[in-house]
C-alpha atoms as a PDB file:
ATOM      1  CA  MET A   1      18.385 101.589  99.574  1.00  0.00           C
ATOM      2  CA  ARG A   2      19.606 104.280 101.931  1.00  0.00           C
ATOM      3  CA  THR A   3      18.188 106.834 104.384  1.00  0.00           C
ATOM      4  CA  THR A   4      20.250 109.700 105.818  1.00  0.00           C
ATOM      5  CA  ILE A   5      19.245 112.402 108.314  1.00  0.00           C
ATOM      6  CA  TYR A   6      21.860 115.058 109.085  1.00  0.00           C
ATOM      7  CA  GLN A   7      22.436 118.544 110.482  1.00  0.00           C
ATOM      8  CA  LYS A   8      24.046 120.289 107.517  1.00  0.00           C
ATOM      9  CA  ASP A   9      25.548 123.397 109.123  1.00  0.00           C
ATOM     10  CA  PHE A  10      27.700 121.389 111.522  1.00  0.00           C
ATOM     11  CA  ASN A  11      28.064 118.232 109.421  1.00  0.00           C
ATOM     12  CA  GLU A  12      26.479 116.107 112.163  1.00  0.00           C
ATOM     13  CA  ILE A  13      24.774 112.874 111.079  1.00  0.00           C
ATOM     14  CA  LEU A  14      21.793 111.854 113.199  1.00  0.00           C
ATOM     15  CA  MET A  15      21.123 108.621 111.324  1.00  0.00           C
ATOM     16  CA  GLU A  16      22.443 106.835 108.237  1.00  0.00           C
ATOM     17  CA  ALA A  17      21.190 103.387 107.271  1.00  0.00           C
ATOM     18  CA  GLU A  18      21.441 100.955 104.361  1.00  0.00           C
ATOM     19  CA  TYR A  19      18.664  98.471 103.571  1.00  0.00           C
ATOM     20  CA  PRO A  20      18.325  95.564 101.133  1.00  0.00           C
ATOM     21  CA  ASP A  21      15.825  96.074  98.310  1.00  0.00           C
ATOM     22  CA  TRP A  22      12.531  96.041 100.185  1.00  0.00           C
ATOM     23  CA  PHE A  23      14.233  94.025 102.884  1.00  0.00           C
ATOM     24  CA  LYS A  24      13.946  90.767 100.969  1.00  0.00           C
ATOM     25  CA  ASP A  25      16.275  88.337 102.697  1.00  0.00           C
ATOM     26  CA  ASP A  26      15.067  84.783 103.236  1.00  0.00           C
ATOM     27  CA  SER A  27      17.849  83.953 105.699  1.00  0.00           C
ATOM     28  CA  GLU A  28      16.019  85.609 108.632  1.00  0.00           C
ATOM     29  CA  PRO A  29      12.299  86.203 109.360  1.00  0.00           C
ATOM     30  CA  LEU A  30      13.056  89.778 110.501  1.00  0.00           C
ATOM     31  CA  PHE A  31      15.885  92.152 111.404  1.00  0.00           C
ATOM     32  CA  GLU A  32      16.148  94.560 114.339  1.00  0.00           C
ATOM     33  CA  ARG A  33      18.622  97.302 115.189  1.00  0.00           C
ATOM     34  CA  THR A  34      18.951 100.469 117.293  1.00  0.00           C
ATOM     35  CA  PHE A  35      20.533 103.852 116.560  1.00  0.00           C
ATOM     36  CA  SER A  36      21.489 106.178 119.386  1.00  0.00           C
ATOM     37  CA  ALA A  37      22.938 109.682 119.251  1.00  0.00           C
ATOM     38  CA  SER A  38      24.258 112.189 121.761  1.00  0.00           C
ATOM     39  CA  LEU A  39      25.278 115.281 119.799  1.00  0.00           C
ATOM     40  CA  PHE A  40      25.532 118.996 120.502  1.00  0.00           C
ATOM     41  CA  PHE A  41      21.940 119.635 119.384  1.00  0.00           C
ATOM     42  CA  GLY A  42      20.335 116.825 121.353  1.00  0.00           C
ATOM     43  CA  LYS A  43      20.173 113.144 122.172  1.00  0.00           C
ATOM     44  CA  GLY A  44      17.869 110.313 121.214  1.00  0.00           C
ATOM     45  CA  VAL A  45      17.239 106.688 120.326  1.00  0.00           C
ATOM     46  CA  TYR A  46      15.640 105.206 117.210  1.00  0.00           C
ATOM     47  CA  LYS A  47      14.729 101.534 116.918  1.00  0.00           C
ATOM     48  CA  GLU A  48      13.694  99.686 113.791  1.00  0.00           C
ATOM     49  CA  ILE A  49      12.371  96.311 112.736  1.00  0.00           C
ATOM     50  CA  TYR A  50      12.112  95.267 109.114  1.00  0.00           C
ATOM     51  CA  PHE A  51      11.160  92.269 107.046  1.00  0.00           C
ATOM     52  CA  GLU A  52       9.879  91.679 103.535  1.00  0.00           C
ATOM     53  CA  GLY A  53       7.644  94.571 102.501  1.00  0.00           C
ATOM     54  CA  VAL A  54       7.597  96.242 105.951  1.00  0.00           C
ATOM     55  CA  HIS A  55       9.784  98.640 107.943  1.00  0.00           C
ATOM     56  CA  ILE A  56       8.854  99.751 111.485  1.00  0.00           C
ATOM     57  CA  GLY A  57      10.678 102.652 113.096  1.00  0.00           C
ATOM     58  CA  TYR A  58      10.101 104.425 116.397  1.00  0.00           C
ATOM     59  CA  GLY A  59      12.063 106.543 118.818  1.00  0.00           C
ATOM     60  CA  ASN A  60      12.488 109.742 120.738  1.00  0.00           C
ATOM     61  CA  LEU A  61      14.680 112.825 120.556  1.00  0.00           C
ATOM     62  CA  GLU A  62      15.246 115.693 122.988  1.00  0.00           C
ATOM     63  CA  LEU A  63      16.650 118.860 121.409  1.00  0.00           C
ATOM     64  CA  ALA A  64      18.564 121.698 123.038  1.00  0.00           C
ATOM     65  CA  LYS A  65      17.062 124.185 120.570  1.00  0.00           C
ATOM     66  CA  ASN A  66      14.906 124.259 117.433  1.00  0.00           C
ATOM     67  CA  THR A  67      16.893 122.438 114.770  1.00  0.00           C
ATOM     68  CA  LEU A  68      16.797 122.044 110.981  1.00  0.00           C
ATOM     69  CA  PHE A  69      17.578 118.576 109.651  1.00  0.00           C
ATOM     70  CA  HIS A  70      18.196 117.606 106.058  1.00  0.00           C
ATOM     71  CA  PHE A  71      17.075 114.176 104.904  1.00  0.00           C
ATOM     72  CA  GLU A  72      17.585 111.983 101.864  1.00  0.00           C
ATOM     73  CA  THR A  73      15.800 108.704 101.204  1.00  0.00           C
ATOM     74  CA  GLU A  74      15.815 106.282  98.297  1.00  0.00           C
ATOM     75  CA  PHE A  75      12.668 104.472  99.449  1.00  0.00           C
ATOM     76  CA  GLU A  76       9.642 104.062  97.255  1.00  0.00           C
ATOM     77  CA  THR A  77       7.235 103.639 100.102  1.00  0.00           C
ATOM     78  CA  VAL A  78       3.831 104.200 101.632  1.00  0.00           C
ATOM     79  CA  GLU A  79       4.415 105.555 105.139  1.00  0.00           C
ATOM     80  CA  MET A  80       1.967 105.358 108.038  1.00  0.00           C
ATOM     81  CA  HIS A  81       3.202 108.270 110.146  1.00  0.00           C
ATOM     82  CA  PHE A  82       2.226 108.846 113.794  1.00  0.00           C
ATOM     83  CA  ALA A  83       3.408 111.924 115.707  1.00  0.00           C
ATOM     84  CA  LEU A  84       3.102 110.646 119.283  1.00  0.00           C
ATOM     85  CA  ASN A  85       4.631 113.793 120.740  1.00  0.00           C
ATOM     86  CA  GLY A  86       6.364 116.935 119.551  1.00  0.00           C
ATOM     87  CA  ILE A  87       6.121 119.561 116.809  1.00  0.00           C
ATOM     88  CA  THR A  88       7.651 119.190 113.331  1.00  0.00           C
ATOM     89  CA  SER A  89       7.428 120.958 109.991  1.00  0.00           C
ATOM     90  CA  THR A  90       8.762 119.294 106.836  1.00  0.00           C
ATOM     91  CA  ASP A  91       9.411 120.682 103.373  1.00  0.00           C
ATOM     92  CA  ALA A  92       9.996 117.794 100.944  1.00  0.00           C
ATOM     93  CA  SER A  93      11.178 118.265  97.370  1.00  0.00           C
ATOM     94  CA  GLU A  94       8.219 116.471  95.778  1.00  0.00           C
ATOM     95  CA  LEU A  95       5.383 117.774  97.949  1.00  0.00           C
ATOM     96  CA  SER A  96       3.760 121.165  97.493  1.00  0.00           C
ATOM     97  CA  GLY A  97       4.073 123.191 100.689  1.00  0.00           C
ATOM     98  CA  THR A  98       5.098 122.075 104.162  1.00  0.00           C
ATOM     99  CA  VAL A  99       3.749 119.146 106.146  1.00  0.00           C
ATOM    100  CA  ASP A 100       3.199 120.032 109.815  1.00  0.00           C
ATOM    101  CA  PHE A 101       2.606 117.660 112.727  1.00  0.00           C
ATOM    102  CA  VAL A 102       1.805 118.268 116.390  1.00  0.00           C
ATOM    103  CA  SER A 103       1.357 115.717 119.182  1.00  0.00           C
ATOM    104  CA  GLY A 104      -1.364 113.125 118.621  1.00  0.00           C
ATOM    105  CA  GLU A 105      -1.711 113.312 114.815  1.00  0.00           C
ATOM    106  CA  HIS A 106      -1.300 110.803 111.987  1.00  0.00           C
ATOM    107  CA  ASN A 107      -1.359 110.651 108.199  1.00  0.00           C
ATOM    108  CA  ILE A 108      -0.292 108.417 105.301  1.00  0.00           C
ATOM    109  CA  PHE A 109       2.219 109.373 102.592  1.00  0.00           C
ATOM    110  CA  TYR A 110       3.467 107.948  99.328  1.00  0.00           C
ATOM    111  CA  SER A 111       6.978 108.784  98.151  1.00  0.00           C
ATOM    112  CA  LYS A 112       9.186 107.356  95.430  1.00  0.00           C
ATOM    113  CA  GLY A 113      12.279 108.679  97.178  1.00  0.00           C
ATOM    114  CA  THR A 114      12.821 112.274  98.203  1.00  0.00           C
ATOM    115  CA  THR A 115      15.013 114.929  99.817  1.00  0.00           C
ATOM    116  CA  GLY A 116      14.013 117.813 102.026  1.00  0.00           C
ATOM    117  CA  ILE A 117      14.370 119.817 105.210  1.00  0.00           C
ATOM    118  CA  SER A 118      12.550 119.217 108.472  1.00  0.00           C
ATOM    119  CA  LYS A 119      12.302 121.644 111.397  1.00  0.00           C
ATOM    120  CA  TRP A 120      11.996 119.941 114.784  1.00  0.00           C
ATOM    121  CA  SER A 121      10.885 122.046 117.729  1.00  0.00           C
ATOM    122  CA  SER A 122      12.644 121.828 121.103  1.00  0.00           C
ATOM    123  CA  LYS A 123       9.434 122.855 122.886  1.00  0.00           C
ATOM    124  CA  LEU A 124       8.420 119.209 123.437  1.00  0.00           C
ATOM    125  CA  PRO A 125      10.374 115.929 123.345  1.00  0.00           C
ATOM    126  CA  LEU A 126       9.893 114.307 119.940  1.00  0.00           C
ATOM    127  CA  ARG A 127       8.356 110.817 119.863  1.00  0.00           C
ATOM    128  CA  ILE A 128       7.576 109.284 116.488  1.00  0.00           C
ATOM    129  CA  PHE A 129       6.258 105.979 115.236  1.00  0.00           C
ATOM    130  CA  GLU A 130       6.230 105.133 111.531  1.00  0.00           C
ATOM    131  CA  ILE A 131       5.617 102.110 109.370  1.00  0.00           C
ATOM    132  CA  ASN A 132       6.901 101.965 105.798  1.00  0.00           C
ATOM    133  CA  LEU A 133       5.088  99.573 103.485  1.00  0.00           C
ATOM    134  CA  SER A 134       5.976  98.523  99.970  1.00  0.00           C
ATOM    135  CA  PRO A 135       3.359  99.889  97.534  1.00  0.00           C
ATOM    136  CA  ALA A 136       2.452  96.287  96.650  1.00  0.00           C
ATOM    137  CA  PHE A 137       1.728  95.516 100.323  1.00  0.00           C
ATOM    138  CA  PHE A 138      -0.345  98.671 100.817  1.00  0.00           C
ATOM    139  CA  GLU A 139      -2.415  98.446  97.619  1.00  0.00           C
ATOM    140  CA  LYS A 140      -3.951  95.167  98.773  1.00  0.00           C
ATOM    141  CA  TYR A 141      -5.813  97.065 101.494  1.00  0.00           C
ATOM    142  CA  ILE A 142      -6.692 100.485 100.058  1.00  0.00           C
ATOM    143  CA  PRO A 143     -10.490 100.869  99.808  1.00  0.00           C
ATOM    144  CA  SER A 144     -12.466 102.197  96.860  1.00  0.00           C
ATOM    145  CA  GLY A 145     -15.593 104.344  96.866  1.00  0.00           C
ATOM    146  CA  SER A 146     -13.919 107.569  98.000  1.00  0.00           C
ATOM    147  CA  LYS A 147     -12.229 110.232  95.858  1.00  0.00           C
ATOM    148  CA  ARG A 148      -9.505 110.543  98.507  1.00  0.00           C
ATOM    149  CA  PHE A 149      -8.483 106.890  98.118  1.00  0.00           C
ATOM    150  CA  LEU A 150      -8.888 106.815  94.328  1.00  0.00           C
ATOM    151  CA  ASP A 151      -6.621 109.857  93.936  1.00  0.00           C
ATOM    152  CA  PHE A 152      -4.027 108.363  96.273  1.00  0.00           C
ATOM    153  CA  LYS A 153      -4.035 105.045  94.449  1.00  0.00           C
ATOM    154  CA  LYS A 154      -3.586 106.850  91.108  1.00  0.00           C
ATOM    155  CA  ALA A 155      -0.643 108.790  92.551  1.00  0.00           C
ATOM    156  CA  ILE A 156       1.023 105.484  93.469  1.00  0.00           C
ATOM    157  CA  THR A 157       0.357 104.115  89.975  1.00  0.00           C
ATOM    158  CA  ASP A 158       1.783 107.297  88.409  1.00  0.00           C
ATOM    159  CA  ARG A 159       4.671 107.307  90.921  1.00  0.00           C
ATOM    160  CA  ARG A 160       3.841 110.818  92.157  1.00  0.00           C
ATOM    161  CA  SER A 161       4.497 111.646  95.809  1.00  0.00           C
ATOM    162  CA  ALA A 162       1.223 112.303  97.628  1.00  0.00           C
ATOM    163  CA  ILE A 163      -0.469 112.649 101.028  1.00  0.00           C
ATOM    164  CA  LEU A 164      -3.657 110.703 101.712  1.00  0.00           C
ATOM    165  CA  SER A 165      -5.084 113.617 103.708  1.00  0.00           C
ATOM    166  CA  SER A 166      -3.520 116.694 102.134  1.00  0.00           C
ATOM    167  CA  THR A 167      -5.402 119.446 103.985  1.00  0.00           C
ATOM    168  CA  TYR A 168      -5.184 118.229 107.606  1.00  0.00           C
ATOM    169  CA  ASN A 169      -3.894 115.397 109.759  1.00  0.00           C
ATOM    170  CA  PHE A 170      -6.203 113.082 111.688  1.00  0.00           C
ATOM    171  CA  PRO A 171      -6.151 112.513 115.481  1.00  0.00           C
ATOM    172  CA  ILE A 172      -4.558 109.345 116.858  1.00  0.00           C
ATOM    173  CA  THR A 173      -7.360 107.395 118.532  1.00  0.00           C
ATOM    174  CA  LEU A 174      -7.165 105.237 121.638  1.00  0.00           C
ATOM    175  CA  GLU A 175      -7.374 102.091 119.503  1.00  0.00           C
ATOM    176  CA  MET A 176      -4.436 103.262 117.397  1.00  0.00           C
ATOM    177  CA  GLY A 177      -2.429 104.006 120.531  1.00  0.00           C
ATOM    178  CA  GLN A 178      -3.088 100.528 121.902  1.00  0.00           C
ATOM    179  CA  LEU A 179      -2.003  98.883 118.632  1.00  0.00           C
ATOM    180  CA  ILE A 180       1.176 100.987 118.513  1.00  0.00           C
ATOM    181  CA  ASN A 181       1.940 100.007 122.093  1.00  0.00           C
ATOM    182  CA  ASP A 182       1.384  96.313 121.253  1.00  0.00           C
ATOM    183  CA  ILE A 183       3.908  96.591 118.408  1.00  0.00           C
ATOM    184  CA  ILE A 184       6.528  98.393 120.505  1.00  0.00           C
ATOM    185  CA  GLN A 185       6.104  96.067 123.506  1.00  0.00           C
ATOM    186  CA  CYS A 186       6.093  92.780 121.550  1.00  0.00           C
ATOM    187  CA  GLN A 187       8.435  90.263 123.216  1.00  0.00           C
ATOM    188  CA  ARG A 188       8.054  87.420 120.712  1.00  0.00           C
ATOM    189  CA  LYS A 189      11.010  86.268 118.636  1.00  0.00           C
ATOM    190  CA  GLY A 190      11.694  85.264 115.044  1.00  0.00           C
ATOM    191  CA  LEU A 191       8.831  84.132 112.841  1.00  0.00           C
ATOM    192  CA  PHE A 192       6.276  84.377 115.671  1.00  0.00           C
ATOM    193  CA  LYS A 193       7.170  88.045 116.141  1.00  0.00           C
ATOM    194  CA  ARG A 194       6.832  88.692 112.410  1.00  0.00           C
ATOM    195  CA  ILE A 195       3.374  87.071 112.290  1.00  0.00           C
ATOM    196  CA  PHE A 196       2.284  89.102 115.335  1.00  0.00           C
ATOM    197  CA  LEU A 197       3.612  92.366 113.886  1.00  0.00           C
ATOM    198  CA  GLU A 198       1.987  91.819 110.496  1.00  0.00           C
ATOM    199  CA  SER A 199      -1.400  91.274 112.148  1.00  0.00           C
ATOM    200  CA  LYS A 200      -1.045  94.445 114.250  1.00  0.00           C
ATOM    201  CA  ILE A 201       0.133  96.506 111.257  1.00  0.00           C
ATOM    202  CA  ILE A 202      -2.917  95.489 109.226  1.00  0.00           C
ATOM    203  CA  ALA A 203      -5.181  96.303 112.188  1.00  0.00           C
ATOM    204  CA  LEU A 204      -3.485  99.702 112.622  1.00  0.00           C
ATOM    205  CA  LEU A 205      -3.811 100.468 108.906  1.00  0.00           C
ATOM    206  CA  LEU A 206      -7.476  99.464 109.132  1.00  0.00           C
ATOM    207  CA  THR A 207      -8.123 102.006 111.895  1.00  0.00           C
ATOM    208  CA  GLN A 208      -6.453 104.770 109.857  1.00  0.00           C
ATOM    209  CA  LEU A 209      -8.358 103.990 106.665  1.00  0.00           C
ATOM    210  CA  GLU A 210     -11.677 103.532 108.491  1.00  0.00           C
ATOM    211  CA  GLN A 211     -11.304 106.873 110.239  1.00  0.00           C
ATOM    212  CA  MET A 212     -10.620 108.688 106.959  1.00  0.00           C
ATOM    213  CA  TYR A 213     -13.349 106.810 105.108  1.00  0.00           C
ATOM    214  CA  SER A 214     -15.900 107.607 107.814  1.00  0.00           C
ATOM    215  CA  TYR A 215     -14.955 111.263 107.615  1.00  0.00           C
ATOM    216  CA  ASP A 216     -15.479 111.254 103.831  1.00  0.00           C
ATOM    217  CA  VAL A 217     -18.828 109.479 104.104  1.00  0.00           C
ATOM    218  CA  LYS A 218     -20.113 111.874 106.738  1.00  0.00           C
ATOM    219  CA  ASN A 219     -18.492 114.783 104.888  1.00  0.00           C
ATOM    220  CA  ALA A 220     -18.341 116.667 108.161  1.00  0.00           C
ATOM    221  CA  PRO A 221     -15.066 118.056 109.519  1.00  0.00           C
ATOM    222  CA  VAL A 222     -14.220 118.034 113.206  1.00  0.00           C
ATOM    223  CA  ASN A 223     -16.777 120.530 114.462  1.00  0.00           C
ATOM    224  CA  LEU A 224     -14.581 122.234 117.053  1.00  0.00           C
ATOM    225  CA  LYS A 225     -12.736 125.530 117.283  1.00  0.00           C
ATOM    226  CA  LYS A 226      -8.947 125.383 117.278  1.00  0.00           C
ATOM    227  CA  LYS A 227      -8.740 126.660 120.867  1.00  0.00           C
ATOM    228  CA  ASP A 228     -11.160 123.925 122.013  1.00  0.00           C
ATOM    229  CA  ILE A 229      -9.106 121.252 120.254  1.00  0.00           C
ATOM    230  CA  GLU A 230      -5.975 122.481 122.049  1.00  0.00           C
ATOM    231  CA  LYS A 231      -7.762 122.294 125.414  1.00  0.00           C
ATOM    232  CA  ILE A 232      -9.019 118.763 124.751  1.00  0.00           C
ATOM    233  CA  TYR A 233      -5.510 117.631 123.804  1.00  0.00           C
ATOM    234  CA  ALA A 234      -4.345 119.209 127.081  1.00  0.00           C
ATOM    235  CA  VAL A 235      -6.824 117.004 128.991  1.00  0.00           C
ATOM    236  CA  LYS A 236      -5.502 113.948 127.138  1.00  0.00           C
ATOM    237  CA  GLU A 237      -1.971 114.920 128.163  1.00  0.00           C
ATOM    238  CA  ILE A 238      -3.030 115.394 131.803  1.00  0.00           C
ATOM    239  CA  LEU A 239      -4.511 111.885 131.880  1.00  0.00           C
ATOM    240  CA  GLU A 240      -1.434 110.351 130.239  1.00  0.00           C
ATOM    241  CA  LYS A 241       0.962 112.031 132.669  1.00  0.00           C
ATOM    242  CA  ASP A 242      -1.014 110.939 135.745  1.00  0.00           C
ATOM    243  CA  TYR A 243      -3.226 107.974 134.922  1.00  0.00           C
ATOM    244  CA  LYS A 244      -3.952 107.484 138.645  1.00  0.00           C
ATOM    245  CA  LYS A 245      -5.349 110.998 138.933  1.00  0.00           C
ATOM    246  CA  THR A 246      -8.566 111.158 140.977  1.00  0.00           C
ATOM    247  CA  THR A 247     -10.758 113.855 139.484  1.00  0.00           C
ATOM    248  CA  THR A 248     -14.033 114.597 137.697  1.00  0.00           C
ATOM    249  CA  LEU A 249     -14.970 115.809 134.228  1.00  0.00           C
ATOM    250  CA  VAL A 250     -15.954 119.157 135.699  1.00  0.00           C
ATOM    251  CA  ASN A 251     -12.545 119.586 137.340  1.00  0.00           C
ATOM    252  CA  LEU A 252     -10.681 118.462 134.207  1.00  0.00           C
ATOM    253  CA  ALA A 253     -12.651 120.952 132.137  1.00  0.00           C
ATOM    254  CA  LYS A 254     -11.910 123.761 134.599  1.00  0.00           C
ATOM    255  CA  GLU A 255      -8.219 122.801 134.658  1.00  0.00           C
ATOM    256  CA  VAL A 256      -7.857 123.561 130.925  1.00  0.00           C
ATOM    257  CA  GLY A 257     -10.355 126.409 130.746  1.00  0.00           C
ATOM    258  CA  THR A 258     -13.369 124.823 129.078  1.00  0.00           C
ATOM    259  CA  ASN A 259     -16.711 123.364 130.187  1.00  0.00           C
ATOM    260  CA  GLU A 260     -17.903 119.807 130.773  1.00  0.00           C
ATOM    261  CA  PHE A 261     -20.165 119.723 127.699  1.00  0.00           C
ATOM    262  CA  THR A 262     -17.424 120.835 125.282  1.00  0.00           C
ATOM    263  CA  LEU A 263     -14.956 118.405 126.848  1.00  0.00           C
ATOM    264  CA  LYS A 264     -17.307 115.406 126.622  1.00  0.00           C
ATOM    265  CA  ARG A 265     -18.471 116.161 123.089  1.00  0.00           C
ATOM    266  CA  GLY A 266     -15.060 117.195 121.768  1.00  0.00           C
ATOM    267  CA  PHE A 267     -13.114 114.296 123.306  1.00  0.00           C
ATOM    268  CA  LYS A 268     -15.511 111.799 121.743  1.00  0.00           C
ATOM    269  CA  GLU A 269     -15.306 113.560 118.385  1.00  0.00           C
ATOM    270  CA  LEU A 270     -11.504 113.726 118.358  1.00  0.00           C
ATOM    271  CA  PHE A 271     -10.598 110.360 119.849  1.00  0.00           C
ATOM    272  CA  GLY A 272     -13.639 108.185 119.251  1.00  0.00           C
ATOM    273  CA  THR A 273     -14.197 107.373 122.914  1.00  0.00           C
ATOM    274  CA  SER A 274     -15.257 108.998 126.174  1.00  0.00           C
ATOM    275  CA  VAL A 275     -12.858 110.646 128.615  1.00  0.00           C
ATOM    276  CA  TYR A 276     -13.663 107.986 131.229  1.00  0.00           C
ATOM    277  CA  HIS A 277     -13.076 105.053 128.865  1.00  0.00           C
ATOM    278  CA  TYR A 278      -9.798 106.543 127.638  1.00  0.00           C
ATOM    279  CA  TRP A 279      -8.624 107.035 131.224  1.00  0.00           C
ATOM    280  CA  LYS A 280      -9.650 103.489 132.191  1.00  0.00           C
ATOM    281  CA  CYS A 281      -7.856 101.989 129.189  1.00  0.00           C
ATOM    282  CA  LEU A 282      -4.693 103.937 129.979  1.00  0.00           C
ATOM    283  CA  ARG A 283      -4.619 102.330 133.410  1.00  0.00           C
ATOM    284  CA  LEU A 284      -5.352  98.854 132.065  1.00  0.00           C
ATOM    285  CA  GLU A 285      -2.731  99.140 129.304  1.00  0.00           C
ATOM    286  CA  THR A 286      -0.213 100.155 131.976  1.00  0.00           C
ATOM    287  CA  ALA A 287      -1.280  97.160 134.054  1.00  0.00           C
ATOM    288  CA  LYS A 288      -0.768  94.829 131.090  1.00  0.00           C
ATOM    289  CA  THR A 289       2.777  96.128 130.613  1.00  0.00           C
ATOM    290  CA  MET A 290       3.497  95.678 134.343  1.00  0.00           C
ATOM    291  CA  LEU A 291       2.255  92.097 134.283  1.00  0.00           C
ATOM    292  CA  ILE A 292       4.386  91.241 131.248  1.00  0.00           C
ATOM    293  CA  GLU A 293       7.588  93.058 132.167  1.00  0.00           C
ATOM    294  CA  HIS A 294       7.706  93.181 135.989  1.00  0.00           C
ATOM    295  CA  GLN A 295       7.567  90.595 138.745  1.00  0.00           C
ATOM    296  CA  MET A 296       4.519  92.028 140.486  1.00  0.00           C
ATOM    297  CA  THR A 297       1.508  90.270 141.912  1.00  0.00           C
ATOM    298  CA  ILE A 298      -1.961  91.001 140.565  1.00  0.00           C
ATOM    299  CA  LYS A 299      -2.792  92.725 143.867  1.00  0.00           C
ATOM    300  CA  GLU A 300       0.310  94.941 143.552  1.00  0.00           C
ATOM    301  CA  VAL A 301      -0.531  95.860 139.965  1.00  0.00           C
ATOM    302  CA  ALA A 302      -4.158  96.620 140.853  1.00  0.00           C
ATOM    303  CA  ASN A 303      -3.055  98.894 143.679  1.00  0.00           C
ATOM    304  CA  GLU A 304      -0.420 100.594 141.507  1.00  0.00           C
ATOM    305  CA  ILE A 305      -2.966 101.694 138.898  1.00  0.00           C
ATOM    306  CA  GLY A 306      -5.541 102.807 141.451  1.00  0.00           C
ATOM    307  CA  TYR A 307      -7.822  99.794 142.034  1.00  0.00           C
ATOM    308  CA  LYS A 308      -8.340  99.196 145.762  1.00  0.00           C
ATOM    309  CA  ASN A 309     -10.117  95.893 145.079  1.00  0.00           C
ATOM    310  CA  PRO A 310      -8.140  93.307 143.007  1.00  0.00           C
ATOM    311  CA  GLN A 311     -11.422  91.593 142.012  1.00  0.00           C
ATOM    312  CA  HIS A 312     -12.692  94.828 140.458  1.00  0.00           C
ATOM    313  CA  PHE A 313      -9.377  95.148 138.600  1.00  0.00           C
ATOM    314  CA  THR A 314      -9.582  91.560 137.335  1.00  0.00           C
ATOM    315  CA  ALA A 315     -13.149  92.077 136.097  1.00  0.00           C
ATOM    316  CA  ALA A 316     -12.245  95.315 134.295  1.00  0.00           C
ATOM    317  CA  PHE A 317      -9.132  93.725 132.771  1.00  0.00           C
ATOM    318  CA  LYS A 318     -11.074  90.754 131.420  1.00  0.00           C
ATOM    319  CA  LYS A 319     -13.795  92.982 130.006  1.00  0.00           C
ATOM    320  CA  GLU A 320     -11.212  95.113 128.168  1.00  0.00           C
ATOM    321  CA  PHE A 321      -8.831  92.399 126.910  1.00  0.00           C
ATOM    322  CA  GLY A 322     -11.006  89.282 126.936  1.00  0.00           C
ATOM    323  CA  THR A 323      -8.645  87.405 129.247  1.00  0.00           C
ATOM    324  CA  LEU A 324      -7.609  87.285 132.887  1.00  0.00           C
ATOM    325  CA  PRO A 325      -4.526  89.123 134.190  1.00  0.00           C
ATOM    326  CA  SER A 326      -3.068  85.784 135.252  1.00  0.00           C
ATOM    327  CA  SER A 327      -3.287  84.528 131.650  1.00  0.00           C
ATOM    328  CA  ILE A 328      -1.385  87.562 130.351  1.00  0.00           C
ATOM    329  CA  ARG A 329       1.435  86.872 132.803  1.00  0.00           C
ATOM    330  CA  ASN A 330       1.612  83.187 131.861  1.00  0.00           C
END
């Protein structure tokens, strides 16, 4: 199987990769590799991990200008797609209409192999995270009881390309972000890494399917105006850029041009958690990464993420992750 992404007008290849048939190779528990590019239209890095039935890919790309890329893939796959940052618009040969993504959105696709054109905006750096599953792997977990899921399952059976949510993408929740970060940051090796990744992939798929199923059961769309959604995403971006920011809900709301009530209600509706809890978890996730990757004391880490009292940091860390910071380091 092969995947190629290229800039046709200038004959520049961004990525070209060959894969064994659904990555079945018993000689190794998993395979990892990295692609990097520095071309006239931009530069970026794409990393991938694959093993039987699963392909994980993630990376970033900074473009000098809006660019059209052509792509060809021979995969028959179910793809869990997460647009962590950036703006893209894709026109695939087997899908009706374009598929648009902005920062903080996800969806699930089925394709039996396709070609198409994708427009990537230079307005924001592009950060993507995607997991390709074999249809056999995915079908073990798809729920019943919803027309959305029944139609998608039939499309896989009929080998027709389809989108699980064809009218809109869903917002990436805090839980999804934490699971994605766990996958990217995993330091285990060999079979232990594969077991860890499989467990996180199933948990991530669960959060996607649960979110869509809950939406169908409630039969109520996100009850916010487009301009309010944009402002709430702006607050999320403010928190992510400066997780140590000392502020209040009122000030955050004023900063993006909304009010406290709309911010509180809308943030919960979009991301499934409160602004305060999201902000706290950002700091604690950063602390976890520091403890794993850097030689810093618990006091230094606590101070770095804005806790003046290390005991308060330790208590918050244990409440969030169920273990002490010292155990994470060990």
